[in-house]
Amino acid sequence: MSRFSNFDKAVLGALRDNTDGEHTPIQRGQTLRSALQRATQQLDEEQQKLLTVSFFKRNRYRNNDGVAFELNLTRRTYYRYRGSAIRDTARALIRSVLPPLRLEIPQLRHLVGRDGILAQCRESLAKHESIALLGPGGIGKTALATQLAQDRSQEGCFWFTFRPLTGVGFYKSGE
């Protein structure tokens, strides 16, 4: 079993892609810091200020109470706003690291004539196998997947849709 989650692997991959060759831990940390600072640029002005004072340009002689005081916030409000800003930064970082990943909650639709493929998919999932539904638009992939997700709602499932990236170069395998 890997000690890294899929998100950890994606972040590590993005760090590798954004650097050229081997780097020291300090250089990798600086690259991650830059990625986090770019992610915070997607936040509102107040969240940016809070994160800058709390982390990126923090006075090393101030504890969290001192930072809260500097921002004219009560300790409780500071922690609440800071937690919200950190969560929003994480979402922005995930969007930048995994741009084709779009979390969706599809609507359940009535399936017509899909009993055979539905049974095959259920059988594969019962064996703890992964499935991928591929094909042209309009053939019922979403409806089928929605039914499968509904069937497994007690066990939990993760739904995601890969979409093409826009404005990014693509490479053919072997290039």
N, C-alpha and C. Protein backbone atom coordinates (compact mmCIF):
# COMPACT_ATOMS: atom_id res chain seq x y z
N MET A 1 0.84 -1.18 0.00
CA MET A 1 0.00 0.00 0.00
C MET A 1 0.89 1.24 0.00
N SER A 2 0.55 2.21 -0.83
CA SER A 2 1.32 3.44 -0.94
C SER A 2 1.06 4.34 0.25
N ARG A 3 2.08 5.03 0.70
CA ARG A 3 1.89 5.95 1.82
C ARG A 3 1.37 7.30 1.34
N PHE A 4 1.27 7.50 0.02
CA PHE A 4 0.78 8.75 -0.53
C PHE A 4 -0.64 8.59 -1.05
N SER A 5 -1.50 9.57 -0.78
CA SER A 5 -2.84 9.57 -1.35
C SER A 5 -2.74 10.02 -2.81
N ASN A 6 -3.84 9.89 -3.54
CA ASN A 6 -3.84 10.33 -4.94
C ASN A 6 -3.55 11.82 -5.04
N PHE A 7 -4.09 12.60 -4.08
CA PHE A 7 -3.82 14.03 -4.10
C PHE A 7 -2.33 14.30 -3.88
N ASP A 8 -1.73 13.58 -2.90
CA ASP A 8 -0.30 13.74 -2.64
C ASP A 8 0.50 13.43 -3.90
N LYS A 9 0.13 12.35 -4.59
CA LYS A 9 0.84 11.97 -5.81
C LYS A 9 0.68 13.04 -6.88
N ALA A 10 -0.52 13.62 -7.00
CA ALA A 10 -0.75 14.68 -7.99
C ALA A 10 0.09 15.91 -7.68
N VAL A 11 0.17 16.29 -6.41
CA VAL A 11 0.97 17.45 -6.02
C VAL A 11 2.44 17.17 -6.31
N LEU A 12 2.92 15.99 -5.94
CA LEU A 12 4.31 15.64 -6.20
C LEU A 12 4.60 15.64 -7.71
N GLY A 13 3.65 15.12 -8.48
CA GLY A 13 3.81 15.14 -9.94
C GLY A 13 3.86 16.55 -10.49
N ALA A 14 2.99 17.42 -9.98
CA ALA A 14 2.99 18.81 -10.43
C ALA A 14 4.29 19.50 -10.05
N LEU A 15 4.80 19.21 -8.86
CA LEU A 15 6.07 19.79 -8.47
C LEU A 15 7.20 19.32 -9.39
N ARG A 16 7.18 18.03 -9.75
CA ARG A 16 8.18 17.51 -10.68
C ARG A 16 8.05 18.19 -12.04
N ASP A 17 6.79 18.35 -12.51
CA ASP A 17 6.57 18.95 -13.82
C ASP A 17 6.97 20.42 -13.87
N ASN A 18 6.90 21.10 -12.73
CA ASN A 18 7.21 22.53 -12.68
C ASN A 18 8.66 22.81 -12.31
N THR A 19 9.46 21.78 -12.23
CA THR A 19 10.87 21.97 -11.95
C THR A 19 11.65 21.18 -12.98
N ASP A 20 12.89 21.53 -13.16
CA ASP A 20 13.70 20.82 -14.15
C ASP A 20 14.79 20.02 -13.45
N GLY A 21 14.53 18.74 -13.30
CA GLY A 21 15.53 17.86 -12.72
C GLY A 21 15.46 17.76 -11.22
N GLU A 22 16.55 17.29 -10.63
CA GLU A 22 16.62 17.09 -9.19
C GLU A 22 16.84 18.41 -8.48
N HIS A 23 16.14 18.58 -7.38
CA HIS A 23 16.29 19.79 -6.58
C HIS A 23 16.37 19.42 -5.12
N THR A 24 16.90 20.32 -4.35
CA THR A 24 17.00 20.12 -2.92
C THR A 24 15.62 20.24 -2.29
N PRO A 25 15.45 19.75 -1.08
CA PRO A 25 14.17 19.92 -0.39
C PRO A 25 13.78 21.39 -0.26
N ILE A 26 14.75 22.27 -0.08
CA ILE A 26 14.45 23.71 0.02
C ILE A 26 13.87 24.22 -1.29
N GLN A 27 14.46 23.82 -2.41
CA GLN A 27 13.95 24.26 -3.71
C GLN A 27 12.56 23.70 -3.98
N ARG A 28 12.31 22.44 -3.59
CA ARG A 28 10.97 21.87 -3.77
C ARG A 28 9.98 22.62 -2.88
N GLY A 29 10.40 22.97 -1.66
CA GLY A 29 9.54 23.74 -0.77
C GLY A 29 9.22 25.10 -1.35
N GLN A 30 10.21 25.74 -1.98
CA GLN A 30 9.98 27.04 -2.62
C GLN A 30 9.01 26.91 -3.79
N THR A 31 9.11 25.83 -4.54
CA THR A 31 8.18 25.59 -5.64
C THR A 31 6.76 25.40 -5.11
N LEU A 32 6.61 24.63 -4.04
CA LEU A 32 5.29 24.43 -3.43
C LEU A 32 4.76 25.75 -2.89
N ARG A 33 5.62 26.53 -2.26
CA ARG A 33 5.20 27.84 -1.73
C ARG A 33 4.69 28.72 -2.87
N SER A 34 5.39 28.72 -4.00
CA SER A 34 4.95 29.50 -5.16
C SER A 34 3.60 29.02 -5.67
N ALA A 35 3.41 27.70 -5.71
CA ALA A 35 2.12 27.15 -6.16
C ALA A 35 1.00 27.57 -5.20
N LEU A 36 1.28 27.56 -3.91
CA LEU A 36 0.28 27.98 -2.93
C LEU A 36 -0.02 29.47 -3.07
N GLN A 37 1.01 30.27 -3.29
CA GLN A 37 0.78 31.71 -3.46
C GLN A 37 -0.04 32.00 -4.72
N ARG A 38 0.22 31.25 -5.80
CA ARG A 38 -0.60 31.41 -7.01
C ARG A 38 -2.04 31.01 -6.74
N ALA A 39 -2.23 29.96 -5.96
CA ALA A 39 -3.59 29.51 -5.63
C ALA A 39 -4.32 30.57 -4.80
N THR A 40 -3.61 31.25 -3.91
CA THR A 40 -4.27 32.27 -3.08
C THR A 40 -4.69 33.48 -3.90
N GLN A 41 -4.10 33.67 -5.07
CA GLN A 41 -4.49 34.80 -5.92
C GLN A 41 -5.93 34.65 -6.43
N GLN A 42 -6.48 33.45 -6.35
CA GLN A 42 -7.87 33.21 -6.76
C GLN A 42 -8.86 33.54 -5.65
N LEU A 43 -8.36 33.86 -4.46
CA LEU A 43 -9.21 34.14 -3.31
C LEU A 43 -9.55 35.62 -3.25
N ASP A 44 -10.50 35.96 -2.38
CA ASP A 44 -10.84 37.37 -2.23
C ASP A 44 -9.72 38.10 -1.48
N GLU A 45 -9.78 39.42 -1.51
CA GLU A 45 -8.70 40.25 -0.97
C GLU A 45 -8.47 40.03 0.53
N GLU A 46 -9.54 39.86 1.29
CA GLU A 46 -9.40 39.65 2.74
C GLU A 46 -8.71 38.33 3.05
N GLN A 47 -9.08 37.27 2.31
CA GLN A 47 -8.44 35.97 2.53
C GLN A 47 -6.96 36.03 2.14
N GLN A 48 -6.66 36.73 1.04
CA GLN A 48 -5.27 36.88 0.63
C GLN A 48 -4.46 37.57 1.72
N LYS A 49 -5.00 38.65 2.26
CA LYS A 49 -4.30 39.39 3.31
C LYS A 49 -4.08 38.50 4.54
N LEU A 50 -5.12 37.78 4.94
CA LEU A 50 -5.01 36.91 6.11
C LEU A 50 -3.92 35.86 5.91
N LEU A 51 -3.90 35.21 4.75
CA LEU A 51 -2.89 34.19 4.49
C LEU A 51 -1.48 34.77 4.37
N THR A 52 -1.38 35.94 3.79
CA THR A 52 -0.08 36.59 3.67
C THR A 52 0.50 36.89 5.05
N VAL A 53 -0.32 37.51 5.92
CA VAL A 53 0.15 37.85 7.26
C VAL A 53 0.37 36.59 8.10
N SER A 54 -0.46 35.57 7.91
CA SER A 54 -0.36 34.36 8.72
C SER A 54 0.78 33.44 8.30
N PHE A 55 1.08 33.40 7.00
CA PHE A 55 2.03 32.40 6.52
C PHE A 55 3.15 32.96 5.64
N PHE A 56 2.79 33.66 4.57
CA PHE A 56 3.78 34.01 3.56
C PHE A 56 4.74 35.12 3.99
N LYS A 57 4.25 36.08 4.75
CA LYS A 57 5.11 37.18 5.21
C LYS A 57 4.91 37.39 6.71
N ARG A 58 4.93 36.31 7.42
CA ARG A 58 4.65 36.36 8.86
C ARG A 58 5.83 36.90 9.64
N ASN A 59 5.52 37.74 10.60
CA ASN A 59 6.52 38.21 11.55
C ASN A 59 6.84 37.03 12.47
N ARG A 60 8.05 36.54 12.43
CA ARG A 60 8.40 35.32 13.17
C ARG A 60 8.32 35.48 14.69
N TYR A 61 8.22 36.71 15.15
CA TYR A 61 8.14 36.94 16.59
C TYR A 61 6.71 37.01 17.10
N ARG A 62 5.74 36.84 16.20
CA ARG A 62 4.34 36.89 16.60
C ARG A 62 3.75 35.49 16.62
N ASN A 63 3.00 35.21 17.68
CA ASN A 63 2.24 33.97 17.71
C ASN A 63 0.89 34.22 17.03
N ASN A 64 0.01 33.23 17.01
CA ASN A 64 -1.27 33.39 16.32
C ASN A 64 -2.12 34.50 16.94
N ASP A 65 -2.03 34.68 18.26
CA ASP A 65 -2.77 35.76 18.89
C ASP A 65 -2.27 37.12 18.38
N GLY A 66 -0.96 37.23 18.21
CA GLY A 66 -0.39 38.46 17.68
C GLY A 66 -0.81 38.73 16.25
N VAL A 67 -0.89 37.67 15.45
CA VAL A 67 -1.35 37.81 14.07
C VAL A 67 -2.82 38.25 14.06
N ALA A 68 -3.63 37.64 14.90
CA ALA A 68 -5.04 38.03 15.00
C ALA A 68 -5.16 39.50 15.39
N PHE A 69 -4.34 39.93 16.35
CA PHE A 69 -4.35 41.32 16.79
C PHE A 69 -3.96 42.24 15.64
N GLU A 70 -2.93 41.85 14.89
CA GLU A 70 -2.48 42.66 13.75
C GLU A 70 -3.59 42.82 12.71
N LEU A 71 -4.42 41.80 12.57
CA LEU A 71 -5.52 41.84 11.60
C LEU A 71 -6.80 42.42 12.20
N ASN A 72 -6.73 42.86 13.47
CA ASN A 72 -7.90 43.42 14.16
C ASN A 72 -9.04 42.41 14.25
N LEU A 73 -8.69 41.16 14.56
CA LEU A 73 -9.68 40.09 14.70
C LEU A 73 -9.57 39.49 16.09
N THR A 74 -10.70 39.00 16.58
CA THR A 74 -10.63 38.22 17.81
C THR A 74 -9.96 36.89 17.48
N ARG A 75 -9.47 36.23 18.50
CA ARG A 75 -8.78 34.95 18.29
C ARG A 75 -9.72 33.95 17.59
N ARG A 76 -10.96 33.86 18.07
CA ARG A 76 -11.92 32.91 17.50
C ARG A 76 -12.23 33.24 16.03
N THR A 77 -12.43 34.52 15.74
CA THR A 77 -12.72 34.93 14.36
C THR A 77 -11.52 34.66 13.46
N TYR A 78 -10.33 34.93 13.98
CA TYR A 78 -9.11 34.68 13.22
C TYR A 78 -9.03 33.22 12.81
N TYR A 79 -9.22 32.30 13.76
CA TYR A 79 -9.14 30.87 13.44
C TYR A 79 -10.23 30.44 12.46
N ARG A 80 -11.42 31.00 12.61
CA ARG A 80 -12.50 30.65 11.69
C ARG A 80 -12.17 31.13 10.27
N TYR A 81 -11.75 32.38 10.13
CA TYR A 81 -11.39 32.92 8.81
C TYR A 81 -10.18 32.20 8.23
N ARG A 82 -9.21 31.91 9.08
CA ARG A 82 -8.00 31.23 8.61
C ARG A 82 -8.35 29.84 8.07
N GLY A 83 -9.19 29.10 8.81
CA GLY A 83 -9.61 27.77 8.35
C GLY A 83 -10.32 27.84 7.01
N SER A 84 -11.19 28.81 6.86
CA SER A 84 -11.91 28.98 5.60
C SER A 84 -10.95 29.33 4.46
N ALA A 85 -9.99 30.21 4.73
CA ALA A 85 -9.02 30.60 3.70
C ALA A 85 -8.13 29.42 3.31
N ILE A 86 -7.74 28.60 4.27
CA ILE A 86 -6.92 27.42 3.98
C ILE A 86 -7.70 26.44 3.11
N ARG A 87 -8.98 26.20 3.46
CA ARG A 87 -9.81 25.29 2.65
C ARG A 87 -9.97 25.82 1.23
N ASP A 88 -10.21 27.12 1.09
CA ASP A 88 -10.37 27.70 -0.25
C ASP A 88 -9.07 27.64 -1.04
N THR A 89 -7.95 27.82 -0.36
CA THR A 89 -6.65 27.70 -1.02
C THR A 89 -6.43 26.26 -1.49
N ALA A 90 -6.80 25.30 -0.65
CA ALA A 90 -6.65 23.89 -1.04
C ALA A 90 -7.48 23.59 -2.28
N ARG A 91 -8.71 24.09 -2.32
CA ARG A 91 -9.55 23.88 -3.51
C ARG A 91 -8.92 24.50 -4.75
N ALA A 92 -8.40 25.71 -4.61
CA ALA A 92 -7.76 26.38 -5.74
C ALA A 92 -6.52 25.62 -6.19
N LEU A 93 -5.74 25.11 -5.24
CA LEU A 93 -4.55 24.33 -5.58
C LEU A 93 -4.94 23.04 -6.30
N ILE A 94 -5.97 22.38 -5.81
CA ILE A 94 -6.44 21.15 -6.47
C ILE A 94 -6.87 21.45 -7.90
N ARG A 95 -7.60 22.55 -8.09
CA ARG A 95 -8.03 22.91 -9.45
C ARG A 95 -6.82 23.16 -10.35
N SER A 96 -5.75 23.74 -9.82
CA SER A 96 -4.58 24.00 -10.65
C SER A 96 -3.76 22.74 -10.90
N VAL A 97 -3.74 21.82 -9.94
CA VAL A 97 -2.96 20.59 -10.08
C VAL A 97 -3.70 19.55 -10.91
N LEU A 98 -5.00 19.47 -10.73
CA LEU A 98 -5.82 18.48 -11.43
C LEU A 98 -6.90 19.16 -12.26
N PRO A 99 -6.53 19.95 -13.26
CA PRO A 99 -7.55 20.71 -13.99
C PRO A 99 -8.61 19.87 -14.69
N PRO A 100 -8.34 18.64 -15.17
CA PRO A 100 -9.43 17.93 -15.84
C PRO A 100 -10.44 17.31 -14.88
N LEU A 101 -10.17 17.35 -13.60
CA LEU A 101 -11.06 16.72 -12.63
C LEU A 101 -12.15 17.69 -12.24
N ARG A 102 -13.40 17.32 -12.48
CA ARG A 102 -14.54 18.15 -12.13
C ARG A 102 -15.50 17.30 -11.31
N LEU A 103 -15.67 17.64 -10.05
CA LEU A 103 -16.59 16.89 -9.22
C LEU A 103 -18.01 17.23 -9.62
N GLU A 104 -18.84 16.24 -9.77
CA GLU A 104 -20.21 16.43 -10.21
C GLU A 104 -21.15 15.56 -9.39
N ILE A 105 -22.38 15.97 -9.30
CA ILE A 105 -23.42 15.14 -8.70
C ILE A 105 -24.51 15.01 -9.77
N PRO A 106 -24.50 13.92 -10.53
CA PRO A 106 -25.46 13.76 -11.61
C PRO A 106 -26.85 13.42 -11.10
N GLN A 107 -27.86 13.72 -11.91
CA GLN A 107 -29.24 13.41 -11.58
C GLN A 107 -29.56 11.99 -12.06
N LEU A 108 -30.28 11.23 -11.22
CA LEU A 108 -30.67 9.87 -11.56
C LEU A 108 -31.70 9.90 -12.69
N ARG A 109 -31.48 9.10 -13.72
CA ARG A 109 -32.37 9.04 -14.88
C ARG A 109 -32.85 7.60 -15.07
N HIS A 110 -33.94 7.46 -15.76
CA HIS A 110 -34.48 6.14 -16.05
C HIS A 110 -33.65 5.49 -17.17
N LEU A 111 -33.21 4.26 -16.94
CA LEU A 111 -32.43 3.52 -17.95
C LEU A 111 -33.36 2.70 -18.82
N VAL A 112 -33.09 2.70 -20.11
CA VAL A 112 -33.87 1.91 -21.05
C VAL A 112 -32.91 1.01 -21.82
N GLY A 113 -33.14 -0.31 -21.74
CA GLY A 113 -32.35 -1.26 -22.51
C GLY A 113 -30.90 -1.39 -22.08
N ARG A 114 -30.60 -1.14 -20.83
CA ARG A 114 -29.22 -1.19 -20.35
C ARG A 114 -29.01 -2.27 -19.29
N ASP A 115 -29.94 -3.21 -19.19
CA ASP A 115 -29.87 -4.22 -18.14
C ASP A 115 -28.60 -5.07 -18.22
N GLY A 116 -28.18 -5.44 -19.43
CA GLY A 116 -26.99 -6.29 -19.60
C GLY A 116 -25.72 -5.60 -19.13
N ILE A 117 -25.49 -4.40 -19.62
CA ILE A 117 -24.27 -3.67 -19.24
C ILE A 117 -24.33 -3.27 -17.77
N LEU A 118 -25.51 -2.96 -17.26
CA LEU A 118 -25.67 -2.63 -15.85
C LEU A 118 -25.28 -3.82 -14.97
N ALA A 119 -25.71 -5.02 -15.36
CA ALA A 119 -25.37 -6.23 -14.61
C ALA A 119 -23.86 -6.50 -14.66
N GLN A 120 -23.23 -6.30 -15.83
CA GLN A 120 -21.79 -6.50 -15.95
C GLN A 120 -21.02 -5.53 -15.05
N CYS A 121 -21.44 -4.29 -15.06
CA CYS A 121 -20.78 -3.28 -14.22
C CYS A 121 -20.95 -3.60 -12.74
N ARG A 122 -22.15 -3.99 -12.35
CA ARG A 122 -22.39 -4.34 -10.95
C ARG A 122 -21.52 -5.51 -10.53
N GLU A 123 -21.37 -6.49 -11.42
CA GLU A 123 -20.55 -7.66 -11.13
C GLU A 123 -19.08 -7.25 -10.94
N SER A 124 -18.59 -6.39 -11.82
CA SER A 124 -17.20 -5.92 -11.71
C SER A 124 -16.99 -5.15 -10.41
N LEU A 125 -17.93 -4.29 -10.08
CA LEU A 125 -17.81 -3.50 -8.85
C LEU A 125 -17.89 -4.39 -7.61
N ALA A 126 -18.70 -5.44 -7.67
CA ALA A 126 -18.80 -6.37 -6.54
C ALA A 126 -17.47 -7.08 -6.30
N LYS A 127 -16.66 -7.22 -7.35
CA LYS A 127 -15.33 -7.83 -7.24
C LYS A 127 -14.27 -6.78 -6.90
N HIS A 128 -14.70 -5.56 -6.59
CA HIS A 128 -13.80 -4.45 -6.25
C HIS A 128 -12.93 -4.04 -7.43
N GLU A 129 -13.45 -4.19 -8.63
CA GLU A 129 -12.74 -3.75 -9.83
C GLU A 129 -13.22 -2.34 -10.18
N SER A 130 -12.37 -1.61 -10.85
CA SER A 130 -12.75 -0.29 -11.35
C SER A 130 -13.38 -0.45 -12.72
N ILE A 131 -14.23 0.49 -13.06
CA ILE A 131 -14.82 0.47 -14.39
C ILE A 131 -14.66 1.86 -15.00
N ALA A 132 -14.61 1.92 -16.31
CA ALA A 132 -14.57 3.18 -17.04
C ALA A 132 -15.62 3.09 -18.14
N LEU A 133 -16.44 4.09 -18.24
CA LEU A 133 -17.47 4.13 -19.26
C LEU A 133 -17.04 5.12 -20.32
N LEU A 134 -16.80 4.62 -21.52
CA LEU A 134 -16.28 5.45 -22.61
C LEU A 134 -17.21 5.37 -23.80
N GLY A 135 -17.25 6.41 -24.58
CA GLY A 135 -18.04 6.40 -25.79
C GLY A 135 -18.49 7.80 -26.16
N PRO A 136 -19.10 7.91 -27.34
CA PRO A 136 -19.55 9.23 -27.79
C PRO A 136 -20.69 9.77 -26.92
N GLY A 137 -20.88 11.06 -26.96
CA GLY A 137 -21.93 11.70 -26.18
C GLY A 137 -23.31 11.22 -26.56
N GLY A 138 -24.19 11.11 -25.57
CA GLY A 138 -25.58 10.79 -25.83
C GLY A 138 -25.95 9.33 -25.81
N ILE A 139 -25.00 8.44 -25.46
CA ILE A 139 -25.34 7.01 -25.50
C ILE A 139 -25.73 6.46 -24.13
N GLY A 140 -25.72 7.32 -23.10
CA GLY A 140 -26.20 6.90 -21.80
C GLY A 140 -25.15 6.57 -20.76
N LYS A 141 -23.92 7.03 -20.97
CA LYS A 141 -22.85 6.76 -20.00
C LYS A 141 -23.17 7.37 -18.65
N THR A 142 -23.61 8.62 -18.65
CA THR A 142 -23.92 9.30 -17.40
C THR A 142 -25.09 8.64 -16.69
N ALA A 143 -26.12 8.29 -17.44
CA ALA A 143 -27.29 7.63 -16.84
C ALA A 143 -26.89 6.30 -16.20
N LEU A 144 -26.06 5.53 -16.89
CA LEU A 144 -25.60 4.24 -16.37
C LEU A 144 -24.75 4.45 -15.12
N ALA A 145 -23.82 5.38 -15.18
CA ALA A 145 -22.95 5.64 -14.04
C ALA A 145 -23.75 6.16 -12.84
N THR A 146 -24.74 6.98 -13.11
CA THR A 146 -25.58 7.51 -12.03
C THR A 146 -26.31 6.38 -11.32
N GLN A 147 -26.83 5.42 -12.08
CA GLN A 147 -27.52 4.28 -11.48
C GLN A 147 -26.55 3.45 -10.64
N LEU A 148 -25.34 3.24 -11.16
CA LEU A 148 -24.33 2.48 -10.41
C LEU A 148 -23.94 3.21 -9.12
N ALA A 149 -23.79 4.52 -9.20
CA ALA A 149 -23.46 5.31 -8.01
C ALA A 149 -24.59 5.24 -7.00
N GLN A 150 -25.81 5.30 -7.46
CA GLN A 150 -26.98 5.21 -6.57
C GLN A 150 -27.01 3.84 -5.89
N ASP A 151 -26.71 2.79 -6.65
CA ASP A 151 -26.68 1.44 -6.08
C ASP A 151 -25.68 1.32 -4.94
N ARG A 152 -24.57 2.04 -5.04
CA ARG A 152 -23.48 1.91 -4.09
C ARG A 152 -23.44 3.06 -3.09
N SER A 153 -24.50 3.81 -2.98
CA SER A 153 -24.49 4.99 -2.12
C SER A 153 -24.24 4.65 -0.65
N GLN A 154 -24.64 3.47 -0.21
CA GLN A 154 -24.40 3.08 1.18
C GLN A 154 -22.92 2.81 1.43
N GLU A 155 -22.23 2.29 0.41
CA GLU A 155 -20.81 1.97 0.55
C GLU A 155 -19.94 3.18 0.26
N GLY A 156 -20.49 4.14 -0.44
CA GLY A 156 -19.74 5.31 -0.85
C GLY A 156 -19.06 5.08 -2.18
N CYS A 157 -19.03 6.11 -2.97
CA CYS A 157 -18.35 6.03 -4.26
C CYS A 157 -17.81 7.40 -4.59
N PHE A 158 -16.86 7.45 -5.49
CA PHE A 158 -16.26 8.70 -5.92
C PHE A 158 -16.57 8.87 -7.39
N TRP A 159 -17.23 9.94 -7.72
CA TRP A 159 -17.63 10.21 -9.09
C TRP A 159 -16.76 11.33 -9.64
N PHE A 160 -16.15 11.11 -10.79
CA PHE A 160 -15.48 12.22 -11.44
C PHE A 160 -15.55 12.05 -12.94
N THR A 161 -15.46 13.18 -13.62
CA THR A 161 -15.54 13.21 -15.07
C THR A 161 -14.27 13.88 -15.59
N PHE A 162 -13.61 13.24 -16.52
CA PHE A 162 -12.46 13.84 -17.17
C PHE A 162 -12.95 14.62 -18.37
N ARG A 163 -12.53 15.85 -18.48
CA ARG A 163 -12.86 16.68 -19.61
C ARG A 163 -11.54 17.19 -20.21
N PRO A 164 -11.58 17.47 -21.51
CA PRO A 164 -10.35 17.99 -22.13
C PRO A 164 -9.96 19.34 -21.54
N LEU A 165 -8.66 19.55 -21.45
CA LEU A 165 -8.15 20.85 -21.02
C LEU A 165 -8.20 21.80 -22.20
N THR A 166 -8.43 23.06 -21.92
CA THR A 166 -8.40 24.05 -22.99
C THR A 166 -7.17 24.92 -22.81
N GLY A 167 -6.54 25.27 -23.91
CA GLY A 167 -5.39 26.16 -23.85
C GLY A 167 -4.13 25.50 -23.33
N VAL A 168 -4.08 24.19 -23.30
CA VAL A 168 -2.90 23.48 -22.80
C VAL A 168 -2.42 22.55 -23.90
N GLY A 169 -1.12 22.45 -24.08
CA GLY A 169 -0.58 21.56 -25.09
C GLY A 169 -0.78 20.10 -24.69
N PHE A 170 -1.11 19.28 -25.66
CA PHE A 170 -1.25 17.85 -25.42
C PHE A 170 -0.11 17.11 -26.13
N TYR A 171 0.29 15.99 -25.56
CA TYR A 171 1.37 15.22 -26.15
C TYR A 171 0.86 13.84 -26.50
N LYS A 172 1.23 13.37 -27.67
CA LYS A 172 0.89 12.01 -28.06
C LYS A 172 1.89 11.08 -27.38
N SER A 173 1.43 9.86 -27.07
CA SER A 173 2.36 8.93 -26.44
C SER A 173 3.51 8.65 -27.41
N GLY A 174 4.69 8.55 -26.87
CA GLY A 174 5.86 8.31 -27.69
C GLY A 174 6.60 9.57 -28.07
N GLU A 175 6.02 10.74 -27.79
CA GLU A 175 6.73 11.99 -28.13
C GLU A 175 7.66 12.38 -27.03
